[in-house]
Amino acid sequence: KRIALANKEVLVMAGALVMAAARAR
C-alpha cells in the first residue's frame, strides 16, 4: 500500500525499518 504519512512518530521511532521496508517493496 502507498503510505500517506501524517504521523511524525513512526519515522522518529523506526525510520530505518520503515524506509528500508518501503524501498524493498
mmCIF file of all heavy atoms, coordinates in Angstrom:
data_MODEL
# 
_entry.id   MODEL 
# 
loop_
_atom_site.group_PDB 
_atom_site.id 
_atom_site.type_symbol 
_atom_site.label_atom_id 
_atom_site.label_alt_id 
_atom_site.label_comp_id 
_atom_site.label_asym_id 
_atom_site.label_entity_id 
_atom_site.label_seq_id 
_atom_site.pdbx_PDB_ins_code 
_atom_site.Cartn_x 
_atom_site.Cartn_y 
_atom_site.Cartn_z 
_atom_site.occupancy 
_atom_site.B_iso_or_equiv 
_atom_site.pdbx_formal_charge 
_atom_site.auth_seq_id 
_atom_site.auth_comp_id 
_atom_site.auth_asym_id 
_atom_site.auth_atom_id 
_atom_site.pdbx_PDB_model_num 
ATOM 1   N N   . LYS A 1 1  ? 0.833  -1.207 0.000  1.00 0.00 ? 1  LYS A N   1 
ATOM 2   C CA  . LYS A 1 1  ? 0.000  0.000  0.000  1.00 0.00 ? 1  LYS A CA  1 
ATOM 3   C C   . LYS A 1 1  ? 0.870  1.260  0.000  1.00 0.00 ? 1  LYS A C   1 
ATOM 4   O O   . LYS A 1 1  ? 1.911  1.303  0.655  1.00 0.00 ? 1  LYS A O   1 
ATOM 5   C CB  . LYS A 1 1  ? -0.896 0.044  1.243  1.00 0.00 ? 1  LYS A CB  1 
ATOM 6   C CG  . LYS A 1 1  ? -1.564 -1.269 1.632  1.00 0.00 ? 1  LYS A CG  1 
ATOM 7   C CD  . LYS A 1 1  ? -2.572 -1.726 0.619  1.00 0.00 ? 1  LYS A CD  1 
ATOM 8   C CE  . LYS A 1 1  ? -3.345 -2.938 1.151  1.00 0.00 ? 1  LYS A CE  1 
ATOM 9   N NZ  . LYS A 1 1  ? -4.298 -3.491 0.152  1.00 0.00 ? 1  LYS A NZ  1 
ATOM 10  N N   . ARG A 1 2  ? 0.433  2.291  -0.703 1.00 0.00 ? 2  ARG A N   1 
ATOM 11  C CA  . ARG A 1 2  ? 1.074  3.594  -0.558 1.00 0.00 ? 2  ARG A CA  1 
ATOM 12  C C   . ARG A 1 2  ? 0.766  4.133  0.829  1.00 0.00 ? 2  ARG A C   1 
ATOM 13  O O   . ARG A 1 2  ? -0.356 4.005  1.328  1.00 0.00 ? 2  ARG A O   1 
ATOM 14  C CB  . ARG A 1 2  ? 0.561  4.587  -1.610 1.00 0.00 ? 2  ARG A CB  1 
ATOM 15  C CG  . ARG A 1 2  ? 1.004  6.040  -1.326 1.00 0.00 ? 2  ARG A CG  1 
ATOM 16  C CD  . ARG A 1 2  ? 0.448  7.046  -2.308 1.00 0.00 ? 2  ARG A CD  1 
ATOM 17  N NE  . ARG A 1 2  ? 1.136  6.970  -3.579 1.00 0.00 ? 2  ARG A NE  1 
ATOM 18  C CZ  . ARG A 1 2  ? 0.940  7.836  -4.584 1.00 0.00 ? 2  ARG A CZ  1 
ATOM 19  N NH1 . ARG A 1 2  ? 0.052  8.813  -4.456 1.00 0.00 ? 2  ARG A NH1 1 
ATOM 20  N NH2 . ARG A 1 2  ? 1.607  7.710  -5.715 1.00 0.00 ? 2  ARG A NH2 1 
ATOM 21  N N   . ILE A 1 3  ? 1.760  4.786  1.445  1.00 0.00 ? 3  ILE A N   1 
ATOM 22  C CA  . ILE A 1 3  ? 1.582  5.381  2.769  1.00 0.00 ? 3  ILE A CA  1 
ATOM 23  C C   . ILE A 1 3  ? 1.530  6.894  2.632  1.00 0.00 ? 3  ILE A C   1 
ATOM 24  O O   . ILE A 1 3  ? 2.470  7.520  2.111  1.00 0.00 ? 3  ILE A O   1 
ATOM 25  C CB  . ILE A 1 3  ? 2.722  4.991  3.722  1.00 0.00 ? 3  ILE A CB  1 
ATOM 26  C CG1 . ILE A 1 3  ? 2.883  3.470  3.794  1.00 0.00 ? 3  ILE A CG1 1 
ATOM 27  C CG2 . ILE A 1 3  ? 2.479  5.586  5.102  1.00 0.00 ? 3  ILE A CG2 1 
ATOM 28  C CD1 . ILE A 1 3  ? 1.673  2.720  4.303  1.00 0.00 ? 3  ILE A CD1 1 
ATOM 29  N N   . ALA A 1 4  ? 0.438  7.496  3.084  1.00 0.00 ? 4  ALA A N   1 
ATOM 30  C CA  . ALA A 1 4  ? 0.339  8.946  3.231  1.00 0.00 ? 4  ALA A CA  1 
ATOM 31  C C   . ALA A 1 4  ? 0.565  9.222  4.716  1.00 0.00 ? 4  ALA A C   1 
ATOM 32  O O   . ALA A 1 4  ? -0.301 8.935  5.544  1.00 0.00 ? 4  ALA A O   1 
ATOM 33  C CB  . ALA A 1 4  ? -1.027 9.448  2.770  1.00 0.00 ? 4  ALA A CB  1 
ATOM 34  N N   . LEU A 1 5  ? 1.732  9.743  5.046  1.00 0.00 ? 5  LEU A N   1 
ATOM 35  C CA  . LEU A 1 5  ? 2.168  9.773  6.445  1.00 0.00 ? 5  LEU A CA  1 
ATOM 36  C C   . LEU A 1 5  ? 1.978  11.149 7.067  1.00 0.00 ? 5  LEU A C   1 
ATOM 37  O O   . LEU A 1 5  ? 2.629  12.117 6.687  1.00 0.00 ? 5  LEU A O   1 
ATOM 38  C CB  . LEU A 1 5  ? 3.643  9.365  6.526  1.00 0.00 ? 5  LEU A CB  1 
ATOM 39  C CG  . LEU A 1 5  ? 4.203  9.130  7.928  1.00 0.00 ? 5  LEU A CG  1 
ATOM 40  C CD1 . LEU A 1 5  ? 3.466  7.984  8.622  1.00 0.00 ? 5  LEU A CD1 1 
ATOM 41  C CD2 . LEU A 1 5  ? 5.698  8.822  7.853  1.00 0.00 ? 5  LEU A CD2 1 
ATOM 42  N N   . ALA A 1 6  ? 1.056  11.214 8.032  1.00 0.00 ? 6  ALA A N   1 
ATOM 43  C CA  . ALA A 1 6  ? 0.825  12.446 8.773  1.00 0.00 ? 6  ALA A CA  1 
ATOM 44  C C   . ALA A 1 6  ? 1.286  12.313 10.216 1.00 0.00 ? 6  ALA A C   1 
ATOM 45  O O   . ALA A 1 6  ? 1.000  13.170 11.048 1.00 0.00 ? 6  ALA A O   1 
ATOM 46  C CB  . ALA A 1 6  ? -0.660 12.812 8.743  1.00 0.00 ? 6  ALA A CB  1 
ATOM 47  N N   . ASN A 1 7  ? 1.976  11.238 10.513 1.00 0.00 ? 7  ASN A N   1 
ATOM 48  C CA  . ASN A 1 7  ? 2.403  10.925 11.871 1.00 0.00 ? 7  ASN A CA  1 
ATOM 49  C C   . ASN A 1 7  ? 3.924  10.963 11.939 1.00 0.00 ? 7  ASN A C   1 
ATOM 50  O O   . ASN A 1 7  ? 4.607  10.206 11.252 1.00 0.00 ? 7  ASN A O   1 
ATOM 51  C CB  . ASN A 1 7  ? 1.882  9.527  12.241 1.00 0.00 ? 7  ASN A CB  1 
ATOM 52  C CG  . ASN A 1 7  ? 2.401  9.024  13.562 1.00 0.00 ? 7  ASN A CG  1 
ATOM 53  O OD1 . ASN A 1 7  ? 3.596  8.834  13.716 1.00 0.00 ? 7  ASN A OD1 1 
ATOM 54  N ND2 . ASN A 1 7  ? 1.508  8.783  14.505 1.00 0.00 ? 7  ASN A ND2 1 
ATOM 55  N N   . LYS A 1 8  ? 4.472  11.865 12.742 1.00 0.00 ? 8  LYS A N   1 
ATOM 56  C CA  . LYS A 1 8  ? 5.920  12.013 12.836 1.00 0.00 ? 8  LYS A CA  1 
ATOM 57  C C   . LYS A 1 8  ? 6.572  10.857 13.586 1.00 0.00 ? 8  LYS A C   1 
ATOM 58  O O   . LYS A 1 8  ? 7.684  10.441 13.275 1.00 0.00 ? 8  LYS A O   1 
ATOM 59  C CB  . LYS A 1 8  ? 6.254  13.320 13.557 1.00 0.00 ? 8  LYS A CB  1 
ATOM 60  C CG  . LYS A 1 8  ? 5.770  14.560 12.838 1.00 0.00 ? 8  LYS A CG  1 
ATOM 61  C CD  . LYS A 1 8  ? 5.959  15.796 13.702 1.00 0.00 ? 8  LYS A CD  1 
ATOM 62  C CE  . LYS A 1 8  ? 5.473  17.033 12.977 1.00 0.00 ? 8  LYS A CE  1 
ATOM 63  N NZ  . LYS A 1 8  ? 4.049  16.950 12.603 1.00 0.00 ? 8  LYS A NZ  1 
ATOM 64  N N   . GLU A 1 9  ? 5.865  10.346 14.597 1.00 0.00 ? 9  GLU A N   1 
ATOM 65  C CA  . GLU A 1 9  ? 6.481  9.376  15.494 1.00 0.00 ? 9  GLU A CA  1 
ATOM 66  C C   . GLU A 1 9  ? 6.891  8.090  14.785 1.00 0.00 ? 9  GLU A C   1 
ATOM 67  O O   . GLU A 1 9  ? 7.842  7.419  15.187 1.00 0.00 ? 9  GLU A O   1 
ATOM 68  C CB  . GLU A 1 9  ? 5.533  9.066  16.652 1.00 0.00 ? 9  GLU A CB  1 
ATOM 69  C CG  . GLU A 1 9  ? 5.323  10.210 17.621 1.00 0.00 ? 9  GLU A CG  1 
ATOM 70  C CD  . GLU A 1 9  ? 4.239  11.181 17.195 1.00 0.00 ? 9  GLU A CD  1 
ATOM 71  O OE1 . GLU A 1 9  ? 3.708  11.032 16.068 1.00 0.00 ? 9  GLU A OE1 1 
ATOM 72  O OE2 . GLU A 1 9  ? 3.915  12.087 17.971 1.00 0.00 ? 9  GLU A OE2 1 
ATOM 73  N N   . VAL A 1 10 ? 6.179  7.719  13.726 1.00 0.00 ? 10 VAL A N   1 
ATOM 74  C CA  . VAL A 1 10 ? 6.503  6.484  13.007 1.00 0.00 ? 10 VAL A CA  1 
ATOM 75  C C   . VAL A 1 10 ? 7.939  6.516  12.499 1.00 0.00 ? 10 VAL A C   1 
ATOM 76  O O   . VAL A 1 10 ? 8.692  5.552  12.661 1.00 0.00 ? 10 VAL A O   1 
ATOM 77  C CB  . VAL A 1 10 ? 5.508  6.263  11.847 1.00 0.00 ? 10 VAL A CB  1 
ATOM 78  C CG1 . VAL A 1 10 ? 6.033  5.228  10.869 1.00 0.00 ? 10 VAL A CG1 1 
ATOM 79  C CG2 . VAL A 1 10 ? 4.143  5.834  12.392 1.00 0.00 ? 10 VAL A CG2 1 
ATOM 80  N N   . LEU A 1 11 ? 8.351  7.626  11.886 1.00 0.00 ? 11 LEU A N   1 
ATOM 81  C CA  . LEU A 1 11 ? 9.715  7.717  11.372 1.00 0.00 ? 11 LEU A CA  1 
ATOM 82  C C   . LEU A 1 11 ? 10.713 8.097  12.455 1.00 0.00 ? 11 LEU A C   1 
ATOM 83  O O   . LEU A 1 11 ? 11.872 7.686  12.398 1.00 0.00 ? 11 LEU A O   1 
ATOM 84  C CB  . LEU A 1 11 ? 9.785  8.721  10.219 1.00 0.00 ? 11 LEU A CB  1 
ATOM 85  C CG  . LEU A 1 11 ? 9.079  8.295  8.927  1.00 0.00 ? 11 LEU A CG  1 
ATOM 86  C CD1 . LEU A 1 11 ? 9.302  9.336  7.832  1.00 0.00 ? 11 LEU A CD1 1 
ATOM 87  C CD2 . LEU A 1 11 ? 9.551  6.930  8.456  1.00 0.00 ? 11 LEU A CD2 1 
ATOM 88  N N   . VAL A 1 12 ? 10.292 8.871  13.443 1.00 0.00 ? 12 VAL A N   1 
ATOM 89  C CA  . VAL A 1 12 ? 11.198 9.212  14.536 1.00 0.00 ? 12 VAL A CA  1 
ATOM 90  C C   . VAL A 1 12 ? 11.606 7.945  15.281 1.00 0.00 ? 12 VAL A C   1 
ATOM 91  O O   . VAL A 1 12 ? 12.774 7.752  15.632 1.00 0.00 ? 12 VAL A O   1 
ATOM 92  C CB  . VAL A 1 12 ? 10.538 10.219 15.495 1.00 0.00 ? 12 VAL A CB  1 
ATOM 93  C CG1 . VAL A 1 12 ? 11.377 10.400 16.756 1.00 0.00 ? 12 VAL A CG1 1 
ATOM 94  C CG2 . VAL A 1 12 ? 10.358 11.569 14.796 1.00 0.00 ? 12 VAL A CG2 1 
ATOM 95  N N   . MET A 1 13 ? 10.661 7.057  15.515 1.00 0.00 ? 13 MET A N   1 
ATOM 96  C CA  . MET A 1 13 ? 10.947 5.822  16.240 1.00 0.00 ? 13 MET A CA  1 
ATOM 97  C C   . MET A 1 13 ? 11.630 4.773  15.378 1.00 0.00 ? 13 MET A C   1 
ATOM 98  O O   . MET A 1 13 ? 12.547 4.098  15.820 1.00 0.00 ? 13 MET A O   1 
ATOM 99  C CB  . MET A 1 13 ? 9.655  5.219  16.796 1.00 0.00 ? 13 MET A CB  1 
ATOM 100 C CG  . MET A 1 13 ? 9.116  5.914  18.024 1.00 0.00 ? 13 MET A CG  1 
ATOM 101 S SD  . MET A 1 13 ? 7.740  4.990  18.710 1.00 0.00 ? 13 MET A SD  1 
ATOM 102 C CE  . MET A 1 13 ? 8.535  3.480  19.235 1.00 0.00 ? 13 MET A CE  1 
ATOM 103 N N   . ALA A 1 14 ? 11.136 4.615  14.158 1.00 0.00 ? 14 ALA A N   1 
ATOM 104 C CA  . ALA A 1 14 ? 11.551 3.451  13.361 1.00 0.00 ? 14 ALA A CA  1 
ATOM 105 C C   . ALA A 1 14 ? 11.830 3.839  11.916 1.00 0.00 ? 14 ALA A C   1 
ATOM 106 O O   . ALA A 1 14 ? 11.494 3.096  10.994 1.00 0.00 ? 14 ALA A O   1 
ATOM 107 C CB  . ALA A 1 14 ? 10.471 2.380  13.424 1.00 0.00 ? 14 ALA A CB  1 
ATOM 108 N N   . GLY A 1 15 ? 12.472 4.976  11.716 1.00 0.00 ? 15 GLY A N   1 
ATOM 109 C CA  . GLY A 1 15 ? 12.730 5.453  10.361 1.00 0.00 ? 15 GLY A CA  1 
ATOM 110 C C   . GLY A 1 15 ? 13.523 4.466  9.532  1.00 0.00 ? 15 GLY A C   1 
ATOM 111 O O   . GLY A 1 15 ? 13.217 4.238  8.352  1.00 0.00 ? 15 GLY A O   1 
ATOM 112 N N   . ALA A 1 16 ? 14.551 3.862  10.125 1.00 0.00 ? 16 ALA A N   1 
ATOM 113 C CA  . ALA A 1 16 ? 15.390 2.921  9.372  1.00 0.00 ? 16 ALA A CA  1 
ATOM 114 C C   . ALA A 1 16 ? 14.569 1.713  8.929  1.00 0.00 ? 16 ALA A C   1 
ATOM 115 O O   . ALA A 1 16 ? 14.653 1.284  7.765  1.00 0.00 ? 16 ALA A O   1 
ATOM 116 C CB  . ALA A 1 16 ? 16.576 2.486  10.226 1.00 0.00 ? 16 ALA A CB  1 
ATOM 117 N N   . LEU A 1 17 ? 13.759 1.158  9.832  1.00 0.00 ? 17 LEU A N   1 
ATOM 118 C CA  . LEU A 1 17 ? 12.955 -0.008 9.487  1.00 0.00 ? 17 LEU A CA  1 
ATOM 119 C C   . LEU A 1 17 ? 11.897 0.321  8.433  1.00 0.00 ? 17 LEU A C   1 
ATOM 120 O O   . LEU A 1 17 ? 11.705 -0.429 7.465  1.00 0.00 ? 17 LEU A O   1 
ATOM 121 C CB  . LEU A 1 17 ? 12.265 -0.566 10.734 1.00 0.00 ? 17 LEU A CB  1 
ATOM 122 C CG  . LEU A 1 17 ? 13.145 -1.179 11.826 1.00 0.00 ? 17 LEU A CG  1 
ATOM 123 C CD1 . LEU A 1 17 ? 12.277 -1.629 12.993 1.00 0.00 ? 17 LEU A CD1 1 
ATOM 124 C CD2 . LEU A 1 17 ? 13.940 -2.354 11.279 1.00 0.00 ? 17 LEU A CD2 1 
ATOM 125 N N   . VAL A 1 18 ? 11.203 1.433  8.625  1.00 0.00 ? 18 VAL A N   1 
ATOM 126 C CA  . VAL A 1 18 ? 10.108 1.796  7.729  1.00 0.00 ? 18 VAL A CA  1 
ATOM 127 C C   . VAL A 1 18 ? 10.613 2.088  6.319  1.00 0.00 ? 18 VAL A C   1 
ATOM 128 O O   . VAL A 1 18 ? 10.079 1.576  5.325  1.00 0.00 ? 18 VAL A O   1 
ATOM 129 C CB  . VAL A 1 18 ? 9.324  2.994  8.291  1.00 0.00 ? 18 VAL A CB  1 
ATOM 130 C CG1 . VAL A 1 18 ? 8.332  3.537  7.258  1.00 0.00 ? 18 VAL A CG1 1 
ATOM 131 C CG2 . VAL A 1 18 ? 8.587  2.604  9.570  1.00 0.00 ? 18 VAL A CG2 1 
ATOM 132 N N   . MET A 1 19 ? 11.657 2.902  6.217  1.00 0.00 ? 19 MET A N   1 
ATOM 133 C CA  . MET A 1 19 ? 12.131 3.284  4.891  1.00 0.00 ? 19 MET A CA  1 
ATOM 134 C C   . MET A 1 19 ? 12.815 2.120  4.177  1.00 0.00 ? 19 MET A C   1 
ATOM 135 O O   . MET A 1 19 ? 12.718 1.993  2.952  1.00 0.00 ? 19 MET A O   1 
ATOM 136 C CB  . MET A 1 19 ? 13.054 4.490  4.987  1.00 0.00 ? 19 MET A CB  1 
ATOM 137 C CG  . MET A 1 19 ? 12.374 5.743  5.540  1.00 0.00 ? 19 MET A CG  1 
ATOM 138 S SD  . MET A 1 19 ? 10.786 6.173  4.739  1.00 0.00 ? 19 MET A SD  1 
ATOM 139 C CE  . MET A 1 19 ? 11.365 6.657  3.096  1.00 0.00 ? 19 MET A CE  1 
ATOM 140 N N   . ALA A 1 20 ? 13.488 1.259  4.935  1.00 0.00 ? 20 ALA A N   1 
ATOM 141 C CA  . ALA A 1 20 ? 14.077 0.067  4.314  1.00 0.00 ? 20 ALA A CA  1 
ATOM 142 C C   . ALA A 1 20 ? 12.979 -0.843 3.769  1.00 0.00 ? 20 ALA A C   1 
ATOM 143 O O   . ALA A 1 20 ? 13.101 -1.395 2.664  1.00 0.00 ? 20 ALA A O   1 
ATOM 144 C CB  . ALA A 1 20 ? 14.945 -0.681 5.316  1.00 0.00 ? 20 ALA A CB  1 
ATOM 145 N N   . ALA A 1 21 ? 11.907 -1.009 4.529  1.00 0.00 ? 21 ALA A N   1 
ATOM 146 C CA  . ALA A 1 21 ? 10.790 -1.828 4.070  1.00 0.00 ? 21 ALA A CA  1 
ATOM 147 C C   . ALA A 1 21 ? 10.137 -1.229 2.831  1.00 0.00 ? 21 ALA A C   1 
ATOM 148 O O   . ALA A 1 21 ? 9.785  -1.948 1.884  1.00 0.00 ? 21 ALA A O   1 
ATOM 149 C CB  . ALA A 1 21 ? 9.757  -1.983 5.187  1.00 0.00 ? 21 ALA A CB  1 
ATOM 150 N N   . ALA A 1 22 ? 9.981  0.093  2.823  1.00 0.00 ? 22 ALA A N   1 
ATOM 151 C CA  . ALA A 1 22 ? 9.366  0.764  1.672  1.00 0.00 ? 22 ALA A CA  1 
ATOM 152 C C   . ALA A 1 22 ? 10.224 0.603  0.417  1.00 0.00 ? 22 ALA A C   1 
ATOM 153 O O   . ALA A 1 22 ? 9.703  0.351  -0.679 1.00 0.00 ? 22 ALA A O   1 
ATOM 154 C CB  . ALA A 1 22 ? 9.147  2.243  1.986  1.00 0.00 ? 22 ALA A CB  1 
ATOM 155 N N   . ARG A 1 23 ? 11.532 0.729  0.573  1.00 0.00 ? 23 ARG A N   1 
ATOM 156 C CA  . ARG A 1 23 ? 12.426 0.537  -0.585 1.00 0.00 ? 23 ARG A CA  1 
ATOM 157 C C   . ARG A 1 23 ? 12.360 -0.903 -1.088 1.00 0.00 ? 23 ARG A C   1 
ATOM 158 O O   . ARG A 1 23 ? 12.313 -1.153 -2.299 1.00 0.00 ? 23 ARG A O   1 
ATOM 159 C CB  . ARG A 1 23 ? 13.859 0.909  -0.206 1.00 0.00 ? 23 ARG A CB  1 
ATOM 160 C CG  . ARG A 1 23 ? 14.111 2.399  -0.083 1.00 0.00 ? 23 ARG A CG  1 
ATOM 161 C CD  . ARG A 1 23 ? 15.592 2.704  0.035  1.00 0.00 ? 23 ARG A CD  1 
ATOM 162 N NE  . ARG A 1 23 ? 16.185 2.136  1.244  1.00 0.00 ? 23 ARG A NE  1 
ATOM 163 C CZ  . ARG A 1 23 ? 16.249 2.767  2.411  1.00 0.00 ? 23 ARG A CZ  1 
ATOM 164 N NH1 . ARG A 1 23 ? 15.732 3.990  2.535  1.00 0.00 ? 23 ARG A NH1 1 
ATOM 165 N NH2 . ARG A 1 23 ? 16.813 2.200  3.464  1.00 0.00 ? 23 ARG A NH2 1 
ATOM 166 N N   . ALA A 1 24 ? 12.354 -1.860 -0.171 1.00 0.00 ? 24 ALA A N   1 
ATOM 167 C CA  . ALA A 1 24 ? 12.331 -3.270 -0.558 1.00 0.00 ? 24 ALA A CA  1 
ATOM 168 C C   . ALA A 1 24 ? 11.055 -3.636 -1.310 1.00 0.00 ? 24 ALA A C   1 
ATOM 169 O O   . ALA A 1 24 ? 11.088 -4.450 -2.239 1.00 0.00 ? 24 ALA A O   1 
ATOM 170 C CB  . ALA A 1 24 ? 12.485 -4.144 0.682  1.00 0.00 ? 24 ALA A CB  1 
ATOM 171 N N   . ARG A 1 25 ? 9.939  -3.013 -0.940 1.00 0.00 ? 25 ARG A N   1 
ATOM 172 C CA  . ARG A 1 25 ? 8.650  -3.337 -1.568 1.00 0.00 ? 25 ARG A CA  1 
ATOM 173 C C   . ARG A 1 25 ? 8.295  -2.381 -2.699 1.00 0.00 ? 25 ARG A C   1 
ATOM 174 O O   . ARG A 1 25 ? 7.278  -2.563 -3.378 1.00 0.00 ? 25 ARG A O   1 
ATOM 175 C CB  . ARG A 1 25 ? 7.534  -3.322 -0.516 1.00 0.00 ? 25 ARG A CB  1 
ATOM 176 C CG  . ARG A 1 25 ? 7.596  -4.425 0.493  1.00 0.00 ? 25 ARG A CG  1 
ATOM 177 C CD  . ARG A 1 25 ? 7.187  -5.768 -0.132 1.00 0.00 ? 25 ARG A CD  1 
ATOM 178 N NE  . ARG A 1 25 ? 5.746  -5.809 -0.375 1.00 0.00 ? 25 ARG A NE  1 
ATOM 179 C CZ  . ARG A 1 25 ? 5.162  -6.136 -1.530 1.00 0.00 ? 25 ARG A CZ  1 
ATOM 180 N NH1 . ARG A 1 25 ? 5.904  -6.444 -2.575 1.00 0.00 ? 25 ARG A NH1 1 
ATOM 181 N NH2 . ARG A 1 25 ? 3.854  -6.158 -1.650 1.00 0.00 ? 25 ARG A NH2 1 
# 
